[in-house]
Amino acid sequence: MKTKRTILIVALLAVIPALSGCWYVVAGGAGAYGGYKMKQKGYTLQNPITKEKSSQPSK
């Protein structure tokens, strides 16, 4: 019984680092889906960094 538990823990510890890259894909997919649903409800995204137009003509 103790050997089974030890093997299970070792296997779990070996699998966790292999799946670490998948969390980035899951988070990106969730963000994309959230943006898609917000767009359907009429919300729009706008870049907060905009270049101000100067009142003087450029030389």
PDB file of N, CA and C in Angstrom:
ATOM      1  N   MET A   1       0.829  -1.191   0.000  1.00  0.00           N
ATOM      2  CA  MET A   1       0.000   0.000   0.000  1.00  0.00           C
ATOM      3  C   MET A   1       0.872   1.253   0.000  1.00  0.00           C
ATOM      4  N   LYS A   2       1.908   1.255   0.818  1.00  0.00           N
ATOM      5  CA  LYS A   2       2.781   2.414   0.894  1.00  0.00           C
ATOM      6  C   LYS A   2       3.565   2.584  -0.405  1.00  0.00           C
ATOM      7  N   THR A   3       3.912   1.486  -1.046  1.00  0.00           N
ATOM      8  CA  THR A   3       4.648   1.547  -2.310  1.00  0.00           C
ATOM      9  C   THR A   3       3.777   2.144  -3.415  1.00  0.00           C
ATOM     10  N   LYS A   4       2.504   1.768  -3.449  1.00  0.00           N
ATOM     11  CA  LYS A   4       1.584   2.324  -4.441  1.00  0.00           C
ATOM     12  C   LYS A   4       1.463   3.836  -4.279  1.00  0.00           C
ATOM     13  N   ARG A   5       1.342   4.259  -3.048  1.00  0.00           N
ATOM     14  CA  ARG A   5       1.195   5.692  -2.774  1.00  0.00           C
ATOM     15  C   ARG A   5       2.456   6.452  -3.185  1.00  0.00           C
ATOM     16  N   THR A   6       3.611   5.901  -2.914  1.00  0.00           N
ATOM     17  CA  THR A   6       4.871   6.530  -3.290  1.00  0.00           C
ATOM     18  C   THR A   6       4.997   6.631  -4.809  1.00  0.00           C
ATOM     19  N   ILE A   7       4.632   5.564  -5.502  1.00  0.00           N
ATOM     20  CA  ILE A   7       4.684   5.587  -6.970  1.00  0.00           C
ATOM     21  C   ILE A   7       3.715   6.629  -7.522  1.00  0.00           C
ATOM     22  N   LEU A   8       2.535   6.732  -6.943  1.00  0.00           N
ATOM     23  CA  LEU A   8       1.553   7.719  -7.371  1.00  0.00           C
ATOM     24  C   LEU A   8       2.070   9.143  -7.176  1.00  0.00           C
ATOM     25  N   ILE A   9       2.683   9.404  -6.039  1.00  0.00           N
ATOM     26  CA  ILE A   9       3.219  10.742  -5.765  1.00  0.00           C
ATOM     27  C   ILE A   9       4.354  11.087  -6.721  1.00  0.00           C
ATOM     28  N   VAL A  10       5.236  10.124  -6.974  1.00  0.00           N
ATOM     29  CA  VAL A  10       6.344  10.361  -7.905  1.00  0.00           C
ATOM     30  C   VAL A  10       5.813  10.614  -9.315  1.00  0.00           C
ATOM     31  N   ALA A  11       4.817   9.850  -9.728  1.00  0.00           N
ATOM     32  CA  ALA A  11       4.226  10.040 -11.056  1.00  0.00           C
ATOM     33  C   ALA A  11       3.566  11.411 -11.166  1.00  0.00           C
ATOM     34  N   LEU A  12       2.869  11.816 -10.132  1.00  0.00           N
ATOM     35  CA  LEU A  12       2.222  13.127 -10.134  1.00  0.00           C
ATOM     36  C   LEU A  12       3.245  14.253 -10.202  1.00  0.00           C
ATOM     37  N   LEU A  13       4.316  14.126  -9.455  1.00  0.00           N
ATOM     38  CA  LEU A  13       5.363  15.148  -9.483  1.00  0.00           C
ATOM     39  C   LEU A  13       6.085  15.193 -10.831  1.00  0.00           C
ATOM     40  N   ALA A  14       6.118  14.085 -11.541  1.00  0.00           N
ATOM     41  CA  ALA A  14       6.755  14.057 -12.853  1.00  0.00           C
ATOM     42  C   ALA A  14       5.849  14.661 -13.929  1.00  0.00           C
ATOM     43  N   VAL A  15       4.543  14.563 -13.760  1.00  0.00           N
ATOM     44  CA  VAL A  15       3.600  15.043 -14.768  1.00  0.00           C
ATOM     45  C   VAL A  15       3.368  16.549 -14.658  1.00  0.00           C
ATOM     46  N   ILE A  16       3.388  17.092 -13.474  1.00  0.00           N
ATOM     47  CA  ILE A  16       3.084  18.516 -13.277  1.00  0.00           C
ATOM     48  C   ILE A  16       3.997  19.436 -14.097  1.00  0.00           C
ATOM     49  N   PRO A  17       5.310  19.269 -14.109  1.00  0.00           N
ATOM     50  CA  PRO A  17       6.139  20.156 -14.938  1.00  0.00           C
ATOM     51  C   PRO A  17       5.870  20.000 -16.442  1.00  0.00           C
ATOM     52  N   ALA A  18       5.473  18.837 -16.864  1.00  0.00           N
ATOM     53  CA  ALA A  18       5.185  18.620 -18.283  1.00  0.00           C
ATOM     54  C   ALA A  18       3.936  19.385 -18.716  1.00  0.00           C
ATOM     55  N   LEU A  19       3.020  19.633 -17.801  1.00  0.00           N
ATOM     56  CA  LEU A  19       1.780  20.332 -18.133  1.00  0.00           C
ATOM     57  C   LEU A  19       1.858  21.838 -17.897  1.00  0.00           C
ATOM     58  N   SER A  20       2.971  22.342 -17.431  1.00  0.00           N
ATOM     59  CA  SER A  20       3.046  23.760 -17.074  1.00  0.00           C
ATOM     60  C   SER A  20       2.830  24.672 -18.277  1.00  0.00           C
ATOM     61  N   GLY A  21       3.251  24.278 -19.452  1.00  0.00           N
ATOM     62  CA  GLY A  21       3.038  25.098 -20.636  1.00  0.00           C
ATOM     63  C   GLY A  21       1.592  25.145 -21.071  1.00  0.00           C
ATOM     64  N   CYS A  22       0.822  24.149 -20.709  1.00  0.00           N
ATOM     65  CA  CYS A  22      -0.591  24.107 -21.107  1.00  0.00           C
ATOM     66  C   CYS A  22      -1.404  25.212 -20.434  1.00  0.00           C
ATOM     67  N   TRP A  23      -0.982  25.645 -19.268  1.00  0.00           N
ATOM     68  CA  TRP A  23      -1.748  26.676 -18.561  1.00  0.00           C
ATOM     69  C   TRP A  23      -1.743  27.994 -19.321  1.00  0.00           C
ATOM     70  N   TYR A  24      -0.664  28.276 -20.066  1.00  0.00           N
ATOM     71  CA  TYR A  24      -0.627  29.492 -20.873  1.00  0.00           C
ATOM     72  C   TYR A  24      -1.664  29.416 -21.987  1.00  0.00           C
ATOM     73  N   VAL A  25      -1.812  28.258 -22.574  1.00  0.00           N
ATOM     74  CA  VAL A  25      -2.800  28.070 -23.643  1.00  0.00           C
ATOM     75  C   VAL A  25      -4.214  28.193 -23.081  1.00  0.00           C
ATOM     76  N   VAL A  26      -4.439  27.617 -21.912  1.00  0.00           N
ATOM     77  CA  VAL A  26      -5.756  27.695 -21.287  1.00  0.00           C
ATOM     78  C   VAL A  26      -6.103  29.144 -20.932  1.00  0.00           C
ATOM     79  N   ALA A  27      -5.150  29.870 -20.375  1.00  0.00           N
ATOM     80  CA  ALA A  27      -5.398  31.270 -20.013  1.00  0.00           C
ATOM     81  C   ALA A  27      -5.639  32.128 -21.253  1.00  0.00           C
ATOM     82  N   GLY A  28      -4.879  31.886 -22.309  1.00  0.00           N
ATOM     83  CA  GLY A  28      -5.079  32.634 -23.548  1.00  0.00           C
ATOM     84  C   GLY A  28      -6.433  32.345 -24.165  1.00  0.00           C
ATOM     85  N   GLY A  29      -6.846  31.100 -24.137  1.00  0.00           N
ATOM     86  CA  GLY A  29      -8.157  30.730 -24.672  1.00  0.00           C
ATOM     87  C   GLY A  29      -9.284  31.353 -23.874  1.00  0.00           C
ATOM     88  N   ALA A  30      -9.139  31.385 -22.557  1.00  0.00           N
ATOM     89  CA  ALA A  30     -10.167  31.994 -21.713  1.00  0.00           C
ATOM     90  C   ALA A  30     -10.264  33.492 -21.970  1.00  0.00           C
ATOM     91  N   GLY A  31      -9.124  34.146 -22.156  1.00  0.00           N
ATOM     92  CA  GLY A  31      -9.135  35.579 -22.453  1.00  0.00           C
ATOM     93  C   GLY A  31      -9.750  35.876 -23.808  1.00  0.00           C
ATOM     94  N   ALA A  32      -9.436  35.043 -24.785  1.00  0.00           N
ATOM     95  CA  ALA A  32     -10.008  35.240 -26.116  1.00  0.00           C
ATOM     96  C   ALA A  32     -11.511  35.026 -26.098  1.00  0.00           C
ATOM     97  N   TYR A  33     -11.968  34.013 -25.388  1.00  0.00           N
ATOM     98  CA  TYR A  33     -13.401  33.746 -25.298  1.00  0.00           C
ATOM     99  C   TYR A  33     -14.116  34.894 -24.578  1.00  0.00           C
ATOM    100  N   GLY A  34     -13.507  35.393 -23.510  1.00  0.00           N
ATOM    101  CA  GLY A  34     -14.100  36.529 -22.792  1.00  0.00           C
ATOM    102  C   GLY A  34     -14.195  37.763 -23.673  1.00  0.00           C
ATOM    103  N   GLY A  35     -13.157  38.023 -24.447  1.00  0.00           N
ATOM    104  CA  GLY A  35     -13.184  39.157 -25.372  1.00  0.00           C
ATOM    105  C   GLY A  35     -14.239  38.994 -26.447  1.00  0.00           C
ATOM    106  N   TYR A  36     -14.395  37.780 -26.941  1.00  0.00           N
ATOM    107  CA  TYR A  36     -15.412  37.496 -27.959  1.00  0.00           C
ATOM    108  C   TYR A  36     -16.816  37.737 -27.409  1.00  0.00           C
ATOM    109  N   LYS A  37     -17.076  37.271 -26.192  1.00  0.00           N
ATOM    110  CA  LYS A  37     -18.399  37.455 -25.593  1.00  0.00           C
ATOM    111  C   LYS A  37     -18.670  38.929 -25.298  1.00  0.00           C
ATOM    112  N   MET A  38     -17.636  39.662 -24.869  1.00  0.00           N
ATOM    113  CA  MET A  38     -17.821  41.093 -24.609  1.00  0.00           C
ATOM    114  C   MET A  38     -18.121  41.837 -25.907  1.00  0.00           C
ATOM    115  N   LYS A  39     -17.455  41.444 -26.984  1.00  0.00           N
ATOM    116  CA  LYS A  39     -17.688  42.074 -28.287  1.00  0.00           C
ATOM    117  C   LYS A  39     -19.130  41.824 -28.738  1.00  0.00           C
ATOM    118  N   GLN A  40     -19.663  40.646 -28.447  1.00  0.00           N
ATOM    119  CA  GLN A  40     -21.048  40.333 -28.807  1.00  0.00           C
ATOM    120  C   GLN A  40     -22.031  41.222 -28.048  1.00  0.00           C
ATOM    121  N   LYS A  41     -21.675  41.624 -26.840  1.00  0.00           N
ATOM    122  CA  LYS A  41     -22.568  42.451 -26.035  1.00  0.00           C
ATOM    123  C   LYS A  41     -22.404  43.937 -26.335  1.00  0.00           C
ATOM    124  N   GLY A  42     -21.516  44.280 -27.276  1.00  0.00           N
ATOM    125  CA  GLY A  42     -21.390  45.671 -27.690  1.00  0.00           C
ATOM    126  C   GLY A  42     -20.199  46.412 -27.127  1.00  0.00           C
ATOM    127  N   TYR A  43     -19.394  45.776 -26.315  1.00  0.00           N
ATOM    128  CA  TYR A  43     -18.212  46.437 -25.778  1.00  0.00           C
ATOM    129  C   TYR A  43     -17.107  46.456 -26.831  1.00  0.00           C
ATOM    130  N   THR A  44     -16.314  47.499 -26.801  1.00  0.00           N
ATOM    131  CA  THR A  44     -15.176  47.569 -27.716  1.00  0.00           C
ATOM    132  C   THR A  44     -13.913  47.840 -26.918  1.00  0.00           C
ATOM    133  N   LEU A  45     -12.808  47.425 -27.462  1.00  0.00           N
ATOM    134  CA  LEU A  45     -11.516  47.656 -26.831  1.00  0.00           C
ATOM    135  C   LEU A  45     -10.829  48.799 -27.549  1.00  0.00           C
ATOM    136  N   GLN A  46     -10.114  49.582 -26.789  1.00  0.00           N
ATOM    137  CA  GLN A  46      -9.421  50.719 -27.365  1.00  0.00           C
ATOM    138  C   GLN A  46      -8.020  50.780 -26.765  1.00  0.00           C
ATOM    139  N   ASN A  47      -7.061  51.091 -27.575  1.00  0.00           N
ATOM    140  CA  ASN A  47      -5.694  51.198 -27.104  1.00  0.00           C
ATOM    141  C   ASN A  47      -5.582  52.425 -26.191  1.00  0.00           C
ATOM    142  N   PRO A  48      -5.150  52.271 -24.947  1.00  0.00           N
ATOM    143  CA  PRO A  48      -5.066  53.412 -24.046  1.00  0.00           C
ATOM    144  C   PRO A  48      -3.897  54.352 -24.378  1.00  0.00           C
ATOM    145  N   ILE A  49      -2.957  53.908 -25.175  1.00  0.00           N
ATOM    146  CA  ILE A  49      -1.820  54.748 -25.526  1.00  0.00           C
ATOM    147  C   ILE A  49      -2.057  55.311 -26.920  1.00  0.00           C
ATOM    148  N   THR A  50      -2.312  56.585 -26.978  1.00  0.00           N
ATOM    149  CA  THR A  50      -2.562  57.220 -28.269  1.00  0.00           C
ATOM    150  C   THR A  50      -1.613  58.391 -28.433  1.00  0.00           C
ATOM    151  N   LYS A  51      -1.293  58.679 -29.655  1.00  0.00           N
ATOM    152  CA  LYS A  51      -0.416  59.802 -29.951  1.00  0.00           C
ATOM    153  C   LYS A  51      -1.260  61.060 -30.038  1.00  0.00           C
ATOM    154  N   GLU A  52      -0.856  62.052 -29.263  1.00  0.00           N
ATOM    155  CA  GLU A  52      -1.604  63.307 -29.287  1.00  0.00           C
ATOM    156  C   GLU A  52      -1.245  64.081 -30.541  1.00  0.00           C
ATOM    157  N   LYS A  53      -2.244  64.719 -31.104  1.00  0.00           N
ATOM    158  CA  LYS A  53      -2.007  65.557 -32.277  1.00  0.00           C
ATOM    159  C   LYS A  53      -1.567  66.932 -31.802  1.00  0.00           C
ATOM    160  N   SER A  54      -0.482  67.431 -32.367  1.00  0.00           N
ATOM    161  CA  SER A  54       0.005  68.750 -31.972  1.00  0.00           C
ATOM    162  C   SER A  54      -0.762  69.822 -32.729  1.00  0.00           C
ATOM    163  N   SER A  55      -0.928  70.968 -32.102  1.00  0.00           N
ATOM    164  CA  SER A  55      -1.658  72.064 -32.739  1.00  0.00           C
ATOM    165  C   SER A  55      -0.770  72.832 -33.708  1.00  0.00           C
ATOM    166  N   GLN A  56       0.545  72.684 -33.596  1.00  0.00           N
ATOM    167  CA  GLN A  56       1.462  73.366 -34.496  1.00  0.00           C
ATOM    168  C   GLN A  56       1.815  72.434 -35.657  1.00  0.00           C
ATOM    169  N   PRO A  57       1.915  72.983 -36.863  1.00  0.00           N
ATOM    170  CA  PRO A  57       2.298  72.145 -37.999  1.00  0.00           C
ATOM    171  C   PRO A  57       3.748  71.702 -37.859  1.00  0.00           C
ATOM    172  N   SER A  58       4.056  70.518 -38.281  1.00  0.00           N
ATOM    173  CA  SER A  58       5.421  70.026 -38.189  1.00  0.00           C
ATOM    174  C   SER A  58       6.280  70.610 -39.313  1.00  0.00           C
ATOM    175  N   LYS A  59       7.567  70.786 -39.027  1.00  0.00           N
ATOM    176  CA  LYS A  59       8.456  71.425 -39.989  1.00  0.00           C
ATOM    177  C   LYS A  59       9.205  70.407 -40.793  1.00  0.00           C
TER     178      LYS A  59
END
